[in-house]
Each structure stands twice: as structure tokens, then as C-alpha cells.
Amino acid sequence: MNTSIDISYYPLKVEFIPPIKNFIHRLHGYENLVVKTNGMSTQVFGEYFEVMKAITNEIHKSFELPHSVFILKIINADLNHVVKE
């Protein structure tokens, strides 16, 4: 089953940009995932268990920084291939 996850990451510290960029960079290291970013969130697409394992690992690493907040939206479809009309 394929899945799509929309992630917003809020490191609650003055220097918030470097942790966000680091999180996104680490996600790009998973070759079986498609990762897209925009000004508001990051989208991750792929096989459900692979995506969830990657997200779990990378959120865990990000939690080394105190007070990190993640907002996730998960759908059981690959929205990366949805054609917009």
C-alpha cells in the first residue's frame, strides 16, 4: 500500500531553519521515497512501511533537539501521482 504524508516541523528555538533543513536533507537520503518541499511543509510519498520507518527514524533524531513539534497528515494513497484538473 502506498501512502502520502504531509509534515510540518516546528523546532521551538531561535535558530529554527537549520534543524528543518537538516530533517529534509536526511529524508532525501532514503532512495525509495519521493520527498517534495514547499514553503509550508514537506511531503513524503512511498510504500507505507518504508515511509513510516523513515519518518519514525528521522523524527526520533530531531527529538534530540528540545521542544520539537511535528504535525503530520497521512493518507493511504499516493497523491504524488494525482492529476489536477
N, C-alpha and C. Protein backbone atom coordinates (compact mmCIF):
# COMPACT_ATOMS: atom_id res chain seq x y z
N MET A 1 0.84 -1.18 0.00
CA MET A 1 0.00 0.00 0.00
C MET A 1 0.89 1.24 0.00
N ASN A 2 0.57 2.19 -0.85
CA ASN A 2 1.30 3.44 -0.89
C ASN A 2 0.65 4.45 0.04
N THR A 3 1.46 5.40 0.48
CA THR A 3 0.97 6.43 1.38
C THR A 3 1.59 7.77 1.04
N SER A 4 0.94 8.81 1.49
CA SER A 4 1.45 10.18 1.35
C SER A 4 1.37 10.82 2.73
N ILE A 5 2.44 11.50 3.11
CA ILE A 5 2.47 12.17 4.41
C ILE A 5 2.86 13.62 4.20
N ASP A 6 2.10 14.52 4.78
CA ASP A 6 2.39 15.94 4.78
C ASP A 6 2.91 16.28 6.17
N ILE A 7 4.13 16.82 6.25
CA ILE A 7 4.79 17.06 7.53
C ILE A 7 5.10 18.54 7.69
N SER A 8 4.75 19.08 8.84
CA SER A 8 5.20 20.41 9.23
C SER A 8 6.04 20.24 10.49
N TYR A 9 7.23 20.82 10.49
CA TYR A 9 8.17 20.67 11.59
C TYR A 9 8.42 22.06 12.19
N TYR A 10 8.25 22.16 13.51
CA TYR A 10 8.44 23.41 14.23
C TYR A 10 9.43 23.24 15.37
N PRO A 11 10.73 23.45 15.11
CA PRO A 11 11.68 23.45 16.22
C PRO A 11 11.50 24.75 17.00
N LEU A 12 11.19 24.65 18.26
CA LEU A 12 10.87 25.83 19.06
C LEU A 12 12.14 26.44 19.65
N LYS A 13 12.92 27.05 18.77
CA LYS A 13 14.13 27.74 19.19
C LYS A 13 14.39 28.88 18.22
N VAL A 14 15.28 29.78 18.59
CA VAL A 14 15.55 30.95 17.78
C VAL A 14 16.08 30.56 16.40
N GLU A 15 17.05 29.67 16.35
CA GLU A 15 17.63 29.20 15.09
C GLU A 15 16.83 27.99 14.58
N PHE A 16 15.68 28.23 13.98
CA PHE A 16 14.79 27.13 13.59
C PHE A 16 15.04 26.61 12.17
N ILE A 17 15.62 27.39 11.29
CA ILE A 17 15.83 26.98 9.90
C ILE A 17 16.82 25.81 9.77
N PRO A 18 17.99 25.83 10.41
CA PRO A 18 18.93 24.72 10.25
C PRO A 18 18.36 23.34 10.62
N PRO A 19 17.62 23.19 11.73
CA PRO A 19 17.06 21.86 12.02
C PRO A 19 16.05 21.39 10.97
N ILE A 20 15.28 22.31 10.42
CA ILE A 20 14.30 21.95 9.39
C ILE A 20 15.03 21.48 8.13
N LYS A 21 16.03 22.23 7.69
CA LYS A 21 16.79 21.85 6.50
C LYS A 21 17.49 20.51 6.71
N ASN A 22 18.00 20.27 7.91
CA ASN A 22 18.67 19.01 8.22
C ASN A 22 17.69 17.85 8.14
N PHE A 23 16.49 18.02 8.69
CA PHE A 23 15.45 17.00 8.65
C PHE A 23 15.11 16.64 7.20
N ILE A 24 14.91 17.66 6.37
CA ILE A 24 14.57 17.43 4.96
C ILE A 24 15.73 16.75 4.23
N HIS A 25 16.93 17.19 4.50
CA HIS A 25 18.12 16.58 3.87
C HIS A 25 18.20 15.09 4.21
N ARG A 26 17.95 14.74 5.46
CA ARG A 26 18.00 13.33 5.87
C ARG A 26 16.93 12.51 5.15
N LEU A 27 15.74 13.08 4.98
CA LEU A 27 14.67 12.36 4.27
C LEU A 27 15.06 12.07 2.82
N HIS A 28 15.78 12.98 2.20
CA HIS A 28 16.21 12.77 0.81
C HIS A 28 17.20 11.62 0.68
N GLY A 29 17.75 11.15 1.80
CA GLY A 29 18.69 10.04 1.78
C GLY A 29 18.04 8.68 1.61
N TYR A 30 16.73 8.60 1.68
CA TYR A 30 16.00 7.34 1.51
C TYR A 30 15.65 7.19 0.03
N GLU A 31 16.31 6.27 -0.65
CA GLU A 31 16.19 6.18 -2.10
C GLU A 31 14.81 5.74 -2.60
N ASN A 32 14.03 5.04 -1.79
CA ASN A 32 12.72 4.57 -2.24
C ASN A 32 11.59 5.55 -1.95
N LEU A 33 11.93 6.71 -1.41
CA LEU A 33 10.91 7.71 -1.09
C LEU A 33 11.00 8.89 -2.05
N VAL A 34 9.86 9.51 -2.31
CA VAL A 34 9.82 10.77 -3.04
C VAL A 34 9.56 11.84 -1.99
N VAL A 35 10.42 12.85 -1.96
CA VAL A 35 10.30 13.93 -0.98
C VAL A 35 10.18 15.24 -1.74
N LYS A 36 9.12 15.99 -1.42
CA LYS A 36 8.90 17.30 -2.04
C LYS A 36 8.70 18.32 -0.92
N THR A 37 9.22 19.50 -1.15
CA THR A 37 9.06 20.56 -0.15
C THR A 37 8.44 21.80 -0.78
N ASN A 38 7.82 22.59 0.07
CA ASN A 38 7.35 23.91 -0.33
C ASN A 38 7.52 24.83 0.87
N GLY A 39 7.03 26.01 0.81
CA GLY A 39 7.22 26.98 1.88
C GLY A 39 6.49 26.67 3.17
N MET A 40 5.58 25.70 3.15
CA MET A 40 4.78 25.42 4.34
C MET A 40 4.98 24.03 4.91
N SER A 41 5.40 23.06 4.09
CA SER A 41 5.51 21.69 4.59
C SER A 41 6.38 20.85 3.66
N THR A 42 6.57 19.61 4.09
CA THR A 42 7.29 18.62 3.30
C THR A 42 6.36 17.45 3.07
N GLN A 43 6.33 16.95 1.84
CA GLN A 43 5.51 15.78 1.52
C GLN A 43 6.43 14.60 1.25
N VAL A 44 6.05 13.44 1.78
CA VAL A 44 6.81 12.21 1.57
C VAL A 44 5.86 11.17 0.99
N PHE A 45 6.29 10.52 -0.09
CA PHE A 45 5.48 9.55 -0.80
C PHE A 45 6.24 8.24 -0.93
N GLY A 46 5.53 7.13 -0.81
CA GLY A 46 6.16 5.84 -1.00
C GLY A 46 5.35 4.72 -0.37
N GLU A 47 5.97 3.55 -0.30
CA GLU A 47 5.33 2.38 0.30
C GLU A 47 5.17 2.63 1.80
N TYR A 48 4.00 2.30 2.33
CA TYR A 48 3.62 2.66 3.69
C TYR A 48 4.69 2.34 4.73
N PHE A 49 5.16 1.09 4.79
CA PHE A 49 6.10 0.71 5.85
C PHE A 49 7.45 1.40 5.68
N GLU A 50 7.88 1.60 4.44
CA GLU A 50 9.14 2.31 4.22
C GLU A 50 9.04 3.77 4.65
N VAL A 51 7.94 4.42 4.31
CA VAL A 51 7.73 5.82 4.69
C VAL A 51 7.65 5.95 6.20
N MET A 52 6.87 5.08 6.83
CA MET A 52 6.71 5.18 8.29
C MET A 52 8.02 4.92 9.02
N LYS A 53 8.82 3.98 8.53
CA LYS A 53 10.11 3.70 9.17
C LYS A 53 11.02 4.92 9.04
N ALA A 54 11.09 5.50 7.86
CA ALA A 54 11.93 6.68 7.64
C ALA A 54 11.47 7.85 8.51
N ILE A 55 10.18 8.11 8.53
CA ILE A 55 9.65 9.22 9.31
C ILE A 55 9.91 9.00 10.80
N THR A 56 9.68 7.79 11.27
CA THR A 56 9.93 7.47 12.68
C THR A 56 11.40 7.69 13.03
N ASN A 57 12.31 7.20 12.20
CA ASN A 57 13.74 7.37 12.46
C ASN A 57 14.14 8.85 12.49
N GLU A 58 13.67 9.60 11.52
CA GLU A 58 14.11 10.99 11.41
C GLU A 58 13.44 11.90 12.45
N ILE A 59 12.22 11.62 12.82
CA ILE A 59 11.60 12.39 13.91
C ILE A 59 12.34 12.08 15.21
N HIS A 60 12.68 10.84 15.44
CA HIS A 60 13.42 10.46 16.64
C HIS A 60 14.74 11.23 16.72
N LYS A 61 15.47 11.32 15.61
CA LYS A 61 16.72 12.09 15.58
C LYS A 61 16.46 13.56 15.87
N SER A 62 15.38 14.10 15.31
CA SER A 62 15.06 15.51 15.52
C SER A 62 14.65 15.79 16.96
N PHE A 63 14.13 14.80 17.64
CA PHE A 63 13.73 14.99 19.04
C PHE A 63 14.92 15.14 19.97
N GLU A 64 16.14 14.96 19.45
CA GLU A 64 17.33 15.27 20.26
C GLU A 64 17.37 16.76 20.57
N LEU A 65 16.74 17.56 19.72
CA LEU A 65 16.61 18.99 19.95
C LEU A 65 15.38 19.21 20.84
N PRO A 66 15.56 19.83 21.99
CA PRO A 66 14.41 20.02 22.89
C PRO A 66 13.27 20.80 22.21
N HIS A 67 12.08 20.41 22.53
CA HIS A 67 10.87 21.13 22.11
C HIS A 67 10.69 21.18 20.60
N SER A 68 10.73 20.02 19.97
CA SER A 68 10.45 19.91 18.54
C SER A 68 9.01 19.45 18.36
N VAL A 69 8.27 20.15 17.52
CA VAL A 69 6.87 19.83 17.27
C VAL A 69 6.72 19.39 15.81
N PHE A 70 6.03 18.27 15.59
CA PHE A 70 5.72 17.79 14.25
C PHE A 70 4.21 17.68 14.10
N ILE A 71 3.71 18.12 12.96
CA ILE A 71 2.31 17.96 12.60
C ILE A 71 2.30 17.08 11.35
N LEU A 72 1.56 15.95 11.39
CA LEU A 72 1.52 15.01 10.27
C LEU A 72 0.10 14.82 9.78
N LYS A 73 -0.04 14.75 8.46
CA LYS A 73 -1.28 14.30 7.83
C LYS A 73 -0.91 13.11 6.97
N ILE A 74 -1.60 12.00 7.17
CA ILE A 74 -1.27 10.76 6.49
C ILE A 74 -2.50 10.26 5.73
N ILE A 75 -2.30 9.88 4.46
CA ILE A 75 -3.39 9.33 3.67
C ILE A 75 -2.93 8.03 3.02
N ASN A 76 -3.83 7.09 2.89
CA ASN A 76 -3.49 5.78 2.31
C ASN A 76 -3.64 5.79 0.79
N ALA A 77 -2.95 6.75 0.17
CA ALA A 77 -2.93 6.86 -1.29
C ALA A 77 -1.67 7.61 -1.68
N ASP A 78 -1.20 7.37 -2.89
CA ASP A 78 -0.03 8.07 -3.39
C ASP A 78 -0.51 9.32 -4.11
N LEU A 79 -0.55 10.44 -3.42
CA LEU A 79 -1.03 11.69 -4.01
C LEU A 79 0.01 12.35 -4.89
N ASN A 80 1.20 11.79 -4.95
CA ASN A 80 2.24 12.30 -5.82
C ASN A 80 1.87 12.12 -7.28
N HIS A 81 1.01 11.16 -7.57
CA HIS A 81 0.62 10.86 -8.95
C HIS A 81 -0.81 11.26 -9.29
N VAL A 82 -1.43 12.08 -8.45
CA VAL A 82 -2.78 12.52 -8.70
C VAL A 82 -2.74 13.65 -9.74
N VAL A 83 -3.54 13.52 -10.77
CA VAL A 83 -3.61 14.54 -11.83
C VAL A 83 -4.60 15.60 -11.40
N LYS A 84 -4.13 16.87 -11.44
CA LYS A 84 -5.01 18.00 -11.09
C LYS A 84 -5.75 18.44 -12.34
N GLU A 85 -7.03 18.75 -12.16
CA GLU A 85 -7.84 19.21 -13.30
C GLU A 85 -7.91 20.71 -13.31
